[in-house]
Every structure is written in C-alpha cells, then in structure tokens.
Amino acid sequence: MDWQELTDLTQGRPFVVERVRLADNGVAVEGQFEPPQLARLAVDDQVFVAAFVRSHGSIKEMERIFGVSYPTVKSRLKRIAEHLDFVDTDPAPAGADVVDRLQRGEISAEEALAELERIR
C-alpha cells in the first residue's frame, strides 16, 4: 500500500503506525508511532504543500502551477495551516512578558520582581 492509498483509507481520521521496516536491510521496529502532521493531510493538500515548498513559497508561482488566483492560494494555505500545530522556534524568554507589562505600566516594579522570582 502506498502513502496515497493509506491517506485515502483513513480519510483524515487519526491513525497510528505500529510497524516500520527499513527497506534496505529489513530491520523492523514495532510500537506506536504517530505520523507527522504533514502525513496526516489529505493527499491533494500534501501535493499543494510540496509545490509551495518547491516554488520557494512563491504565491505567484503557485497561481501559475495550479491555474488559480492569489486569494485562492492564500485561502488554501490558510485552510491547510489550520490542520497544523506550529512550533515556536524563537520563544521569548519567560520573563520578557513580565518586563513588557512593567514597561506598559500594567504592573508595578514590586509585582514584576515577585513574578520574576516565581518564574525562576
């Protein structure tokens, strides 16, 4: 069974992979493996994401490839994004929010110090 057949079979429902076999040496690993988020997308959405990456994120190129308008590309990307959890690759330091609130005058210096102590 190829990936497209599996995606069609599951129809977007959650699934778990229980066995993985490496094709080149036959080693198999059993357990419960959750597939990556992109693998859980519908096949046509997987193709769309691959095309977007290959076009280096060019919406103009996506318009040309799929023969659709700019709003259609944006709408489809937005719909796909709703199915993906995003990882913050540059999280702000925990105390940054406290300092921001202090600078905006939302909390006093004493309150900021107390919150920063709790964060430690």
PDB file of N, CA and C in Angstrom:
ATOM      1  N   MET A   1       0.863  -1.175   0.000  1.00  0.00           N
ATOM      2  CA  MET A   1       0.000   0.000   0.000  1.00  0.00           C
ATOM      3  C   MET A   1       0.904   1.231   0.000  1.00  0.00           C
ATOM      4  N   ASP A   2       0.626   2.172  -0.878  1.00  0.00           N
ATOM      5  CA  ASP A   2       1.426   3.399  -0.879  1.00  0.00           C
ATOM      6  C   ASP A   2       0.771   4.445   0.021  1.00  0.00           C
ATOM      7  N   TRP A   3       1.490   5.545   0.230  1.00  0.00           N
ATOM      8  CA  TRP A   3       1.034   6.579   1.153  1.00  0.00           C
ATOM      9  C   TRP A   3      -0.299   7.172   0.740  1.00  0.00           C
ATOM     10  N   GLN A   4      -0.504   7.349  -0.565  1.00  0.00           N
ATOM     11  CA  GLN A   4      -1.755   7.936  -1.035  1.00  0.00           C
ATOM     12  C   GLN A   4      -2.930   7.025  -0.690  1.00  0.00           C
ATOM     13  N   GLU A   5      -2.772   5.722  -0.870  1.00  0.00           N
ATOM     14  CA  GLU A   5      -3.850   4.786  -0.529  1.00  0.00           C
ATOM     15  C   GLU A   5      -4.161   4.828   0.967  1.00  0.00           C
ATOM     16  N   LEU A   6      -3.109   4.910   1.777  1.00  0.00           N
ATOM     17  CA  LEU A   6      -3.308   4.983   3.227  1.00  0.00           C
ATOM     18  C   LEU A   6      -4.050   6.266   3.594  1.00  0.00           C
ATOM     19  N   THR A   7      -3.661   7.371   2.992  1.00  0.00           N
ATOM     20  CA  THR A   7      -4.313   8.656   3.262  1.00  0.00           C
ATOM     21  C   THR A   7      -5.779   8.612   2.826  1.00  0.00           C
ATOM     22  N   ASP A   8      -6.038   8.014   1.678  1.00  0.00           N
ATOM     23  CA  ASP A   8      -7.425   7.884   1.216  1.00  0.00           C
ATOM     24  C   ASP A   8      -8.233   6.989   2.155  1.00  0.00           C
ATOM     25  N   LEU A   9      -7.611   5.915   2.620  1.00  0.00           N
ATOM     26  CA  LEU A   9      -8.283   4.958   3.504  1.00  0.00           C
ATOM     27  C   LEU A   9      -8.662   5.602   4.836  1.00  0.00           C
ATOM     28  N   THR A  10      -7.755   6.393   5.397  1.00  0.00           N
ATOM     29  CA  THR A  10      -8.010   6.991   6.707  1.00  0.00           C
ATOM     30  C   THR A  10      -8.934   8.201   6.648  1.00  0.00           C
ATOM     31  N   GLN A  11      -9.055   8.820   5.484  1.00  0.00           N
ATOM     32  CA  GLN A  11      -9.961   9.955   5.258  1.00  0.00           C
ATOM     33  C   GLN A  11      -9.837  11.030   6.340  1.00  0.00           C
ATOM     34  N   GLY A  12      -8.607  11.339   6.723  1.00  0.00           N
ATOM     35  CA  GLY A  12      -8.383  12.399   7.689  1.00  0.00           C
ATOM     36  C   GLY A  12      -8.571  12.004   9.141  1.00  0.00           C
ATOM     37  N   ARG A  13      -8.999  10.765   9.381  1.00  0.00           N
ATOM     38  CA  ARG A  13      -9.160  10.308  10.757  1.00  0.00           C
ATOM     39  C   ARG A  13      -7.777  10.013  11.347  1.00  0.00           C
ATOM     40  N   PRO A  14      -7.616  10.188  12.659  1.00  0.00           N
ATOM     41  CA  PRO A  14      -6.325   9.893  13.283  1.00  0.00           C
ATOM     42  C   PRO A  14      -5.972   8.412  13.118  1.00  0.00           C
ATOM     43  N   PHE A  15      -4.681   8.129  12.933  1.00  0.00           N
ATOM     44  CA  PHE A  15      -4.225   6.746  12.871  1.00  0.00           C
ATOM     45  C   PHE A  15      -2.839   6.635  13.464  1.00  0.00           C
ATOM     46  N   VAL A  16      -2.462   5.421  13.820  1.00  0.00           N
ATOM     47  CA  VAL A  16      -1.164   5.159  14.419  1.00  0.00           C
ATOM     48  C   VAL A  16      -0.465   4.109  13.574  1.00  0.00           C
ATOM     49  N   VAL A  17       0.802   4.320  13.307  1.00  0.00           N
ATOM     50  CA  VAL A  17       1.614   3.331  12.599  1.00  0.00           C
ATOM     51  C   VAL A  17       2.213   2.427  13.664  1.00  0.00           C
ATOM     52  N   GLU A  18       2.070   1.099  13.498  1.00  0.00           N
ATOM     53  CA  GLU A  18       2.543   0.179  14.526  1.00  0.00           C
ATOM     54  C   GLU A  18       3.781  -0.612  14.134  1.00  0.00           C
ATOM     55  N   ARG A  19       4.146  -0.567  12.876  1.00  0.00           N
ATOM     56  CA  ARG A  19       5.337  -1.305  12.460  1.00  0.00           C
ATOM     57  C   ARG A  19       6.021  -0.544  11.334  1.00  0.00           C
ATOM     58  N   VAL A  20       7.328  -0.414  11.460  1.00  0.00           N
ATOM     59  CA  VAL A  20       8.130   0.247  10.437  1.00  0.00           C
ATOM     60  C   VAL A  20       9.250  -0.701  10.053  1.00  0.00           C
ATOM     61  N   ARG A  21       9.429  -0.916   8.743  1.00  0.00           N
ATOM     62  CA  ARG A  21      10.509  -1.791   8.270  1.00  0.00           C
ATOM     63  C   ARG A  21      11.397  -0.987   7.336  1.00  0.00           C
ATOM     64  N   LEU A  22      12.703  -1.018   7.596  1.00  0.00           N
ATOM     65  CA  LEU A  22      13.651  -0.331   6.730  1.00  0.00           C
ATOM     66  C   LEU A  22      13.859  -1.174   5.483  1.00  0.00           C
ATOM     67  N   ALA A  23      13.595  -0.613   4.326  1.00  0.00           N
ATOM     68  CA  ALA A  23      13.606  -1.368   3.073  1.00  0.00           C
ATOM     69  C   ALA A  23      14.986  -1.904   2.719  1.00  0.00           C
ATOM     70  N   ASP A  24      16.036  -1.163   3.033  1.00  0.00           N
ATOM     71  CA  ASP A  24      17.363  -1.586   2.584  1.00  0.00           C
ATOM     72  C   ASP A  24      17.961  -2.739   3.380  1.00  0.00           C
ATOM     73  N   ASN A  25      17.556  -2.909   4.655  1.00  0.00           N
ATOM     74  CA  ASN A  25      18.134  -4.012   5.415  1.00  0.00           C
ATOM     75  C   ASN A  25      17.109  -4.890   6.120  1.00  0.00           C
ATOM     76  N   GLY A  26      15.838  -4.581   5.974  1.00  0.00           N
ATOM     77  CA  GLY A  26      14.788  -5.433   6.521  1.00  0.00           C
ATOM     78  C   GLY A  26      14.574  -5.301   8.018  1.00  0.00           C
ATOM     79  N   VAL A  27      15.291  -4.428   8.680  1.00  0.00           N
ATOM     80  CA  VAL A  27      15.101  -4.238  10.113  1.00  0.00           C
ATOM     81  C   VAL A  27      13.708  -3.663  10.340  1.00  0.00           C
ATOM     82  N   ALA A  28      12.985  -4.262  11.297  1.00  0.00           N
ATOM     83  CA  ALA A  28      11.633  -3.799  11.607  1.00  0.00           C
ATOM     84  C   ALA A  28      11.575  -3.324  13.051  1.00  0.00           C
ATOM     85  N   VAL A  29      10.826  -2.272  13.262  1.00  0.00           N
ATOM     86  CA  VAL A  29      10.614  -1.729  14.590  1.00  0.00           C
ATOM     87  C   VAL A  29       9.111  -1.714  14.821  1.00  0.00           C
ATOM     88  N   GLU A  30       8.699  -2.236  15.968  1.00  0.00           N
ATOM     89  CA  GLU A  30       7.273  -2.240  16.294  1.00  0.00           C
ATOM     90  C   GLU A  30       7.025  -1.353  17.497  1.00  0.00           C
ATOM     91  N   GLY A  31       5.881  -0.736  17.525  1.00  0.00           N
ATOM     92  CA  GLY A  31       5.487   0.165  18.597  1.00  0.00           C
ATOM     93  C   GLY A  31       4.336   1.009  18.092  1.00  0.00           C
ATOM     94  N   GLN A  32       4.103   2.123  18.725  1.00  0.00           N
ATOM     95  CA  GLN A  32       3.054   3.031  18.258  1.00  0.00           C
ATOM     96  C   GLN A  32       3.712   4.339  17.871  1.00  0.00           C
ATOM     97  N   PHE A  33       3.646   4.662  16.592  1.00  0.00           N
ATOM     98  CA  PHE A  33       4.273   5.849  16.051  1.00  0.00           C
ATOM     99  C   PHE A  33       3.202   6.736  15.448  1.00  0.00           C
ATOM    100  N   GLU A  34       3.142   7.959  15.919  1.00  0.00           N
ATOM    101  CA  GLU A  34       2.194   8.902  15.336  1.00  0.00           C
ATOM    102  C   GLU A  34       2.846   9.513  14.099  1.00  0.00           C
ATOM    103  N   PRO A  35       2.160   9.478  12.970  1.00  0.00           N
ATOM    104  CA  PRO A  35       2.744  10.060  11.751  1.00  0.00           C
ATOM    105  C   PRO A  35       2.886  11.574  11.890  1.00  0.00           C
ATOM    106  N   PRO A  36       3.835  12.148  11.170  1.00  0.00           N
ATOM    107  CA  PRO A  36       3.989  13.602  11.226  1.00  0.00           C
ATOM    108  C   PRO A  36       2.742  14.311  10.693  1.00  0.00           C
ATOM    109  N   GLN A  37       2.573  15.552  11.107  1.00  0.00           N
ATOM    110  CA  GLN A  37       1.388  16.320  10.738  1.00  0.00           C
ATOM    111  C   GLN A  37       1.162  16.388   9.237  1.00  0.00           C
ATOM    112  N   LEU A  38       2.220  16.596   8.487  1.00  0.00           N
ATOM    113  CA  LEU A  38       2.055  16.708   7.034  1.00  0.00           C
ATOM    114  C   LEU A  38       1.537  15.410   6.435  1.00  0.00           C
ATOM    115  N   ALA A  39       1.919  14.281   7.011  1.00  0.00           N
ATOM    116  CA  ALA A  39       1.458  12.985   6.505  1.00  0.00           C
ATOM    117  C   ALA A  39      -0.023  12.766   6.782  1.00  0.00           C
ATOM    118  N   ARG A  40      -0.556  13.501   7.731  1.00  0.00           N
ATOM    119  CA  ARG A  40      -1.977  13.354   8.059  1.00  0.00           C
ATOM    120  C   ARG A  40      -2.878  14.228   7.192  1.00  0.00           C
ATOM    121  N   LEU A  41      -2.274  15.087   6.381  1.00  0.00           N
ATOM    122  CA  LEU A  41      -3.070  15.910   5.469  1.00  0.00           C
ATOM    123  C   LEU A  41      -3.613  15.048   4.338  1.00  0.00           C
ATOM    124  N   ALA A  42      -4.685  15.497   3.716  1.00  0.00           N
ATOM    125  CA  ALA A  42      -5.210  14.821   2.523  1.00  0.00           C
ATOM    126  C   ALA A  42      -4.136  14.865   1.437  1.00  0.00           C
ATOM    127  N   VAL A  43      -4.164  13.895   0.550  1.00  0.00           N
ATOM    128  CA  VAL A  43      -3.143  13.788  -0.495  1.00  0.00           C
ATOM    129  C   VAL A  43      -3.036  15.067  -1.313  1.00  0.00           C
ATOM    130  N   ASP A  44      -4.159  15.650  -1.708  1.00  0.00           N
ATOM    131  CA  ASP A  44      -4.090  16.860  -2.523  1.00  0.00           C
ATOM    132  C   ASP A  44      -3.472  18.021  -1.744  1.00  0.00           C
ATOM    133  N   ASP A  45      -3.686  18.055  -0.424  1.00  0.00           N
ATOM    134  CA  ASP A  45      -3.046  19.086   0.388  1.00  0.00           C
ATOM    135  C   ASP A  45      -1.546  18.821   0.526  1.00  0.00           C
ATOM    136  N   GLN A  46      -1.159  17.550   0.599  1.00  0.00           N
ATOM    137  CA  GLN A  46       0.268  17.214   0.639  1.00  0.00           C
ATOM    138  C   GLN A  46       0.957  17.671  -0.646  1.00  0.00           C
ATOM    139  N   VAL A  47       0.304  17.452  -1.768  1.00  0.00           N
ATOM    140  CA  VAL A  47       0.845  17.880  -3.060  1.00  0.00           C
ATOM    141  C   VAL A  47       0.954  19.403  -3.089  1.00  0.00           C
ATOM    142  N   PHE A  48      -0.062  20.085  -2.581  1.00  0.00           N
ATOM    143  CA  PHE A  48      -0.069  21.542  -2.564  1.00  0.00           C
ATOM    144  C   PHE A  48       1.086  22.083  -1.723  1.00  0.00           C
ATOM    145  N   VAL A  49       1.290  21.503  -0.536  1.00  0.00           N
ATOM    146  CA  VAL A  49       2.381  21.933   0.337  1.00  0.00           C
ATOM    147  C   VAL A  49       3.729  21.669  -0.328  1.00  0.00           C
ATOM    148  N   ALA A  50       3.878  20.502  -0.953  1.00  0.00           N
ATOM    149  CA  ALA A  50       5.142  20.185  -1.645  1.00  0.00           C
ATOM    150  C   ALA A  50       5.405  21.186  -2.763  1.00  0.00           C
ATOM    151  N   ALA A  51       4.368  21.534  -3.512  1.00  0.00           N
ATOM    152  CA  ALA A  51       4.525  22.506  -4.597  1.00  0.00           C
ATOM    153  C   ALA A  51       4.897  23.875  -4.034  1.00  0.00           C
ATOM    154  N   PHE A  52       4.304  24.241  -2.913  1.00  0.00           N
ATOM    155  CA  PHE A  52       4.603  25.526  -2.281  1.00  0.00           C
ATOM    156  C   PHE A  52       6.070  25.587  -1.846  1.00  0.00           C
ATOM    157  N   VAL A  53       6.553  24.501  -1.264  1.00  0.00           N
ATOM    158  CA  VAL A  53       7.958  24.454  -0.841  1.00  0.00           C
ATOM    159  C   VAL A  53       8.879  24.486  -2.053  1.00  0.00           C
ATOM    160  N   ARG A  54       8.548  23.687  -3.077  1.00  0.00           N
ATOM    161  CA  ARG A  54       9.393  23.653  -4.283  1.00  0.00           C
ATOM    162  C   ARG A  54       9.422  24.995  -5.009  1.00  0.00           C
ATOM    163  N   SER A  55       8.337  25.758  -4.863  1.00  0.00           N
ATOM    164  CA  SER A  55       8.300  27.079  -5.506  1.00  0.00           C
ATOM    165  C   SER A  55       8.868  28.156  -4.584  1.00  0.00           C
ATOM    166  N   HIS A  56       9.517  27.730  -3.504  1.00  0.00           N
ATOM    167  CA  HIS A  56      10.143  28.644  -2.544  1.00  0.00           C
ATOM    168  C   HIS A  56       9.134  29.624  -1.949  1.00  0.00           C
ATOM    169  N   GLY A  57       7.903  29.159  -1.774  1.00  0.00           N
ATOM    170  CA  GLY A  57       6.880  29.996  -1.158  1.00  0.00           C
ATOM    171  C   GLY A  57       6.330  31.092  -2.053  1.00  0.00           C
ATOM    172  N   SER A  58       6.546  30.964  -3.349  1.00  0.00           N
ATOM    173  CA  SER A  58       6.071  31.986  -4.285  1.00  0.00           C
ATOM    174  C   SER A  58       4.592  31.769  -4.604  1.00  0.00           C
ATOM    175  N   ILE A  59       3.773  32.670  -4.137  1.00  0.00           N
ATOM    176  CA  ILE A  59       2.339  32.557  -4.432  1.00  0.00           C
ATOM    177  C   ILE A  59       2.100  32.777  -5.915  1.00  0.00           C
ATOM    178  N   LYS A  60       2.873  33.655  -6.524  1.00  0.00           N
ATOM    179  CA  LYS A  60       2.753  33.885  -7.971  1.00  0.00           C
ATOM    180  C   LYS A  60       3.004  32.577  -8.739  1.00  0.00           C
ATOM    181  N   GLU A  61       4.016  31.823  -8.309  1.00  0.00           N
ATOM    182  CA  GLU A  61       4.311  30.544  -8.962  1.00  0.00           C
ATOM    183  C   GLU A  61       3.190  29.532  -8.696  1.00  0.00           C
ATOM    184  N   MET A  62       2.622  29.555  -7.509  1.00  0.00           N
ATOM    185  CA  MET A  62       1.504  28.654  -7.180  1.00  0.00           C
ATOM    186  C   MET A  62       0.291  28.978  -8.052  1.00  0.00           C
ATOM    187  N   GLU A  63       0.064  30.273  -8.292  1.00  0.00           N
ATOM    188  CA  GLU A  63      -1.027  30.677  -9.182  1.00  0.00           C
ATOM    189  C   GLU A  63      -0.824  30.054 -10.560  1.00  0.00           C
ATOM    190  N   ARG A  64       0.423  30.120 -11.047  1.00  0.00           N
ATOM    191  CA  ARG A  64       0.742  29.588 -12.373  1.00  0.00           C
ATOM    192  C   ARG A  64       0.596  28.060 -12.403  1.00  0.00           C
ATOM    193  N   ILE A  65       1.148  27.376 -11.410  1.00  0.00           N
ATOM    194  CA  ILE A  65       1.129  25.907 -11.382  1.00  0.00           C
ATOM    195  C   ILE A  65      -0.298  25.366 -11.325  1.00  0.00           C
ATOM    196  N   PHE A  66      -1.106  25.939 -10.443  1.00  0.00           N
ATOM    197  CA  PHE A  66      -2.451  25.399 -10.221  1.00  0.00           C
ATOM    198  C   PHE A  66      -3.538  26.125 -11.014  1.00  0.00           C
ATOM    199  N   GLY A  67      -3.169  27.211 -11.703  1.00  0.00           N
ATOM    200  CA  GLY A  67      -4.143  27.932 -12.506  1.00  0.00           C
ATOM    201  C   GLY A  67      -5.245  28.554 -11.682  1.00  0.00           C
ATOM    202  N   VAL A  68      -4.868  29.087 -10.501  1.00  0.00           N
ATOM    203  CA  VAL A  68      -5.852  29.705  -9.611  1.00  0.00           C
ATOM    204  C   VAL A  68      -5.390  31.108  -9.249  1.00  0.00           C
ATOM    205  N   SER A  69      -6.272  31.850  -8.606  1.00  0.00           N
ATOM    206  CA  SER A  69      -5.972  33.234  -8.243  1.00  0.00           C
ATOM    207  C   SER A  69      -5.221  33.313  -6.912  1.00  0.00           C
ATOM    208  N   TYR A  70      -4.648  34.497  -6.679  1.00  0.00           N
ATOM    209  CA  TYR A  70      -3.938  34.772  -5.429  1.00  0.00           C
ATOM    210  C   TYR A  70      -4.820  34.470  -4.201  1.00  0.00           C
ATOM    211  N   PRO A  71      -6.080  34.979  -4.163  1.00  0.00           N
ATOM    212  CA  PRO A  71      -6.924  34.696  -2.991  1.00  0.00           C
ATOM    213  C   PRO A  71      -7.183  33.194  -2.801  1.00  0.00           C
ATOM    214  N   THR A  72      -7.251  32.458  -3.893  1.00  0.00           N
ATOM    215  CA  THR A  72      -7.480  31.007  -3.788  1.00  0.00           C
ATOM    216  C   THR A  72      -6.278  30.330  -3.151  1.00  0.00           C
ATOM    217  N   VAL A  73      -5.071  30.715  -3.570  1.00  0.00           N
ATOM    218  CA  VAL A  73      -3.856  30.142  -2.985  1.00  0.00           C
ATOM    219  C   VAL A  73      -3.807  30.480  -1.501  1.00  0.00           C
ATOM    220  N   LYS A  74      -4.023  31.746  -1.154  1.00  0.00           N
ATOM    221  CA  LYS A  74      -3.984  32.174   0.246  1.00  0.00           C
ATOM    222  C   LYS A  74      -5.023  31.438   1.082  1.00  0.00           C
ATOM    223  N   SER A  75      -6.215  31.278   0.541  1.00  0.00           N
ATOM    224  CA  SER A  75      -7.286  30.593   1.248  1.00  0.00           C
ATOM    225  C   SER A  75      -6.928  29.131   1.510  1.00  0.00           C
ATOM    226  N   ARG A  76      -6.358  28.495   0.502  1.00  0.00           N
ATOM    227  CA  ARG A  76      -5.978  27.080   0.652  1.00  0.00           C
ATOM    228  C   ARG A  76      -4.845  26.935   1.669  1.00  0.00           C
ATOM    229  N   LEU A  77      -3.874  27.818   1.628  1.00  0.00           N
ATOM    230  CA  LEU A  77      -2.791  27.773   2.606  1.00  0.00           C
ATOM    231  C   LEU A  77      -3.333  27.981   4.019  1.00  0.00           C
ATOM    232  N   LYS A  78      -4.276  28.892   4.156  1.00  0.00           N
ATOM    233  CA  LYS A  78      -4.878  29.147   5.464  1.00  0.00           C
ATOM    234  C   LYS A  78      -5.619  27.913   5.962  1.00  0.00           C
ATOM    235  N   ARG A  79      -6.359  27.265   5.076  1.00  0.00           N
ATOM    236  CA  ARG A  79      -7.108  26.057   5.458  1.00  0.00           C
ATOM    237  C   ARG A  79      -6.149  24.948   5.884  1.00  0.00           C
ATOM    238  N   ILE A  80      -5.071  24.766   5.135  1.00  0.00           N
ATOM    239  CA  ILE A  80      -4.085  23.737   5.472  1.00  0.00           C
ATOM    240  C   ILE A  80      -3.424  24.075   6.807  1.00  0.00           C
ATOM    241  N   ALA A  81      -3.083  25.336   7.003  1.00  0.00           N
ATOM    242  CA  ALA A  81      -2.423  25.760   8.241  1.00  0.00           C
ATOM    243  C   ALA A  81      -3.280  25.470   9.462  1.00  0.00           C
ATOM    244  N   GLU A  82      -4.591  25.499   9.310  1.00  0.00           N
ATOM    245  CA  GLU A  82      -5.477  25.209  10.433  1.00  0.00           C
ATOM    246  C   GLU A  82      -5.349  23.769  10.910  1.00  0.00           C
ATOM    247  N   HIS A  83      -4.790  22.887  10.075  1.00  0.00           N
ATOM    248  CA  HIS A  83      -4.603  21.480  10.436  1.00  0.00           C
ATOM    249  C   HIS A  83      -3.220  21.216  11.038  1.00  0.00           C
ATOM    250  N   LEU A  84      -2.395  22.242  11.110  1.00  0.00           N
ATOM    251  CA  LEU A  84      -1.022  22.059  11.573  1.00  0.00           C
ATOM    252  C   LEU A  84      -0.774  22.818  12.868  1.00  0.00           C
ATOM    253  N   ASP A  85      -0.089  22.157  13.795  1.00  0.00           N
ATOM    254  CA  ASP A  85       0.361  22.833  15.010  1.00  0.00           C
ATOM    255  C   ASP A  85       1.701  23.464  14.688  1.00  0.00           C
ATOM    256  N   PHE A  86       1.880  24.679  15.116  1.00  0.00           N
ATOM    257  CA  PHE A  86       3.135  25.358  14.848  1.00  0.00           C
ATOM    258  C   PHE A  86       4.001  25.359  16.082  1.00  0.00           C
ATOM    259  N   VAL A  87       5.273  25.186  15.869  1.00  0.00           N
ATOM    260  CA  VAL A  87       6.242  25.193  16.945  1.00  0.00           C
ATOM    261  C   VAL A  87       6.919  26.553  16.940  1.00  0.00           C
ATOM    262  N   ASP A  88       6.957  27.185  18.089  1.00  0.00           N
ATOM    263  CA  ASP A  88       7.622  28.471  18.199  1.00  0.00           C
ATOM    264  C   ASP A  88       9.120  28.220  18.206  1.00  0.00           C
ATOM    265  N   THR A  89       9.784  28.579  17.121  1.00  0.00           N
ATOM    266  CA  THR A  89      11.212  28.306  17.006  1.00  0.00           C
ATOM    267  C   THR A  89      12.059  29.379  17.668  1.00  0.00           C
ATOM    268  N   ASP A  90      11.442  30.463  18.100  1.00  0.00           N
ATOM    269  CA  ASP A  90      12.172  31.531  18.764  1.00  0.00           C
ATOM    270  C   ASP A  90      11.330  32.060  19.926  1.00  0.00           C
ATOM    271  N   PRO A  91      11.108  31.198  20.929  1.00  0.00           N
ATOM    272  CA  PRO A  91      10.253  31.648  22.026  1.00  0.00           C
ATOM    273  C   PRO A  91      10.906  32.777  22.819  1.00  0.00           C
ATOM    274  N   ALA A  92      10.081  33.682  23.254  1.00  0.00           N
ATOM    275  CA  ALA A  92      10.585  34.790  24.072  1.00  0.00           C
ATOM    276  C   ALA A  92      10.977  34.236  25.436  1.00  0.00           C
ATOM    277  N   PRO A  93      11.973  34.825  26.054  1.00  0.00           N
ATOM    278  CA  PRO A  93      12.328  34.394  27.408  1.00  0.00           C
ATOM    279  C   PRO A  93      11.119  34.539  28.329  1.00  0.00           C
ATOM    280  N   ALA A  94      11.014  33.681  29.319  1.00  0.00           N
ATOM    281  CA  ALA A  94       9.849  33.654  30.194  1.00  0.00           C
ATOM    282  C   ALA A  94       9.599  35.005  30.853  1.00  0.00           C
ATOM    283  N   GLY A  95      10.660  35.720  31.198  1.00  0.00           N
ATOM    284  CA  GLY A  95      10.492  36.990  31.881  1.00  0.00           C
ATOM    285  C   GLY A  95      10.171  38.158  30.969  1.00  0.00           C
ATOM    286  N   ALA A  96      10.279  37.944  29.662  1.00  0.00           N
ATOM    287  CA  ALA A  96      10.061  39.049  28.720  1.00  0.00           C
ATOM    288  C   ALA A  96       8.655  39.614  28.840  1.00  0.00           C
ATOM    289  N   ASP A  97       7.668  38.766  29.055  1.00  0.00           N
ATOM    290  CA  ASP A  97       6.289  39.232  29.177  1.00  0.00           C
ATOM    291  C   ASP A  97       6.138  40.114  30.414  1.00  0.00           C
ATOM    292  N   VAL A  98       6.793  39.709  31.483  1.00  0.00           N
ATOM    293  CA  VAL A  98       6.718  40.490  32.720  1.00  0.00           C
ATOM    294  C   VAL A  98       7.329  41.879  32.493  1.00  0.00           C
ATOM    295  N   VAL A  99       8.481  41.919  31.843  1.00  0.00           N
ATOM    296  CA  VAL A  99       9.141  43.200  31.572  1.00  0.00           C
ATOM    297  C   VAL A  99       8.273  44.065  30.653  1.00  0.00           C
ATOM    298  N   ASP A 100       7.690  43.443  29.639  1.00  0.00           N
ATOM    299  CA  ASP A 100       6.801  44.199  28.735  1.00  0.00           C
ATOM    300  C   ASP A 100       5.633  44.817  29.508  1.00  0.00           C
ATOM    301  N   ARG A 101       5.021  44.022  30.387  1.00  0.00           N
ATOM    302  CA  ARG A 101       3.893  44.531  31.178  1.00  0.00           C
ATOM    303  C   ARG A 101       4.336  45.658  32.107  1.00  0.00           C
ATOM    304  N   LEU A 102       5.544  45.540  32.654  1.00  0.00           N
ATOM    305  CA  LEU A 102       6.088  46.595  33.508  1.00  0.00           C
ATOM    306  C   LEU A 102       6.283  47.880  32.701  1.00  0.00           C
ATOM    307  N   GLN A 103       6.856  47.741  31.506  1.00  0.00           N
ATOM    308  CA  GLN A 103       7.092  48.920  30.659  1.00  0.00           C
ATOM    309  C   GLN A 103       5.791  49.595  30.250  1.00  0.00           C
ATOM    310  N   ARG A 104       4.748  48.822  30.064  1.00  0.00           N
ATOM    311  CA  ARG A 104       3.453  49.398  29.686  1.00  0.00           C
ATOM    312  C   ARG A 104       2.702  49.969  30.893  1.00  0.00           C
ATOM    313  N   GLY A 105       3.275  49.772  32.102  1.00  0.00           N
ATOM    314  CA  GLY A 105       2.647  50.294  33.308  1.00  0.00           C
ATOM    315  C   GLY A 105       1.507  49.438  33.819  1.00  0.00           C
ATOM    316  N   GLU A 106       1.397  48.212  33.348  1.00  0.00           N
ATOM    317  CA  GLU A 106       0.311  47.331  33.776  1.00  0.00           C
ATOM    318  C   GLU A 106       0.563  46.739  35.160  1.00  0.00           C
ATOM    319  N   ILE A 107       1.837  46.650  35.553  1.00  0.00           N
ATOM    320  CA  ILE A 107       2.189  46.143  36.878  1.00  0.00           C
ATOM    321  C   ILE A 107       3.279  47.034  37.466  1.00  0.00           C
ATOM    322  N   SER A 108       3.389  46.984  38.795  1.00  0.00           N
ATOM    323  CA  SER A 108       4.422  47.788  39.467  1.00  0.00           C
ATOM    324  C   SER A 108       5.751  47.039  39.435  1.00  0.00           C
ATOM    325  N   ALA A 109       6.816  47.749  39.805  1.00  0.00           N
ATOM    326  CA  ALA A 109       8.143  47.126  39.853  1.00  0.00           C
ATOM    327  C   ALA A 109       8.151  45.992  40.876  1.00  0.00           C
ATOM    328  N   GLU A 110       7.472  46.175  41.992  1.00  0.00           N
ATOM    329  CA  GLU A 110       7.410  45.133  43.024  1.00  0.00           C
ATOM    330  C   GLU A 110       6.690  43.886  42.490  1.00  0.00           C
ATOM    331  N   GLU A 111       5.585  44.102  41.781  1.00  0.00           N
ATOM    332  CA  GLU A 111       4.850  42.972  41.205  1.00  0.00           C
ATOM    333  C   GLU A 111       5.701  42.249  40.159  1.00  0.00           C
ATOM    334  N   ALA A 112       6.439  43.020  39.367  1.00  0.00           N
ATOM    335  CA  ALA A 112       7.309  42.425  38.350  1.00  0.00           C
ATOM    336  C   ALA A 112       8.389  41.575  39.008  1.00  0.00           C
ATOM    337  N   LEU A 113       9.011  42.109  40.059  1.00  0.00           N
ATOM    338  CA  LEU A 113      10.042  41.337  40.771  1.00  0.00           C
ATOM    339  C   LEU A 113       9.471  40.051  41.353  1.00  0.00           C
ATOM    340  N   ALA A 114       8.274  40.132  41.923  1.00  0.00           N
ATOM    341  CA  ALA A 114       7.645  38.944  42.509  1.00  0.00           C
ATOM    342  C   ALA A 114       7.367  37.892  41.435  1.00  0.00           C
ATOM    343  N   GLU A 115       6.869  38.337  40.273  1.00  0.00           N
ATOM    344  CA  GLU A 115       6.589  37.389  39.182  1.00  0.00           C
ATOM    345  C   GLU A 115       7.871  36.763  38.648  1.00  0.00           C
ATOM    346  N   LEU A 116       8.914  37.573  38.503  1.00  0.00           N
ATOM    347  CA  LEU A 116      10.194  37.057  38.014  1.00  0.00           C
ATOM    348  C   LEU A 116      10.783  36.031  38.990  1.00  0.00           C
ATOM    349  N   GLU A 117      10.590  36.252  40.276  1.00  0.00           N
ATOM    350  CA  GLU A 117      11.072  35.277  41.277  1.00  0.00           C
ATOM    351  C   GLU A 117      10.311  33.948  41.130  1.00  0.00           C
ATOM    352  N   ARG A 118       9.004  34.029  40.885  1.00  0.00           N
ATOM    353  CA  ARG A 118       8.198  32.805  40.725  1.00  0.00           C
ATOM    354  C   ARG A 118       8.621  32.026  39.483  1.00  0.00           C
ATOM    355  N   ILE A 119       9.008  32.748  38.433  1.00  0.00           N
ATOM    356  CA  ILE A 119       9.410  32.103  37.158  1.00  0.00           C
ATOM    357  C   ILE A 119      10.683  31.298  37.361  1.00  0.00           C
ATOM    358  N   ARG A 120      11.596  31.819  38.170  1.00  0.00           N
ATOM    359  CA  ARG A 120      12.874  31.129  38.392  1.00  0.00           C
ATOM    360  C   ARG A 120      12.614  29.780  38.873  1.00  0.00           C
TER     361      ARG A 120
END
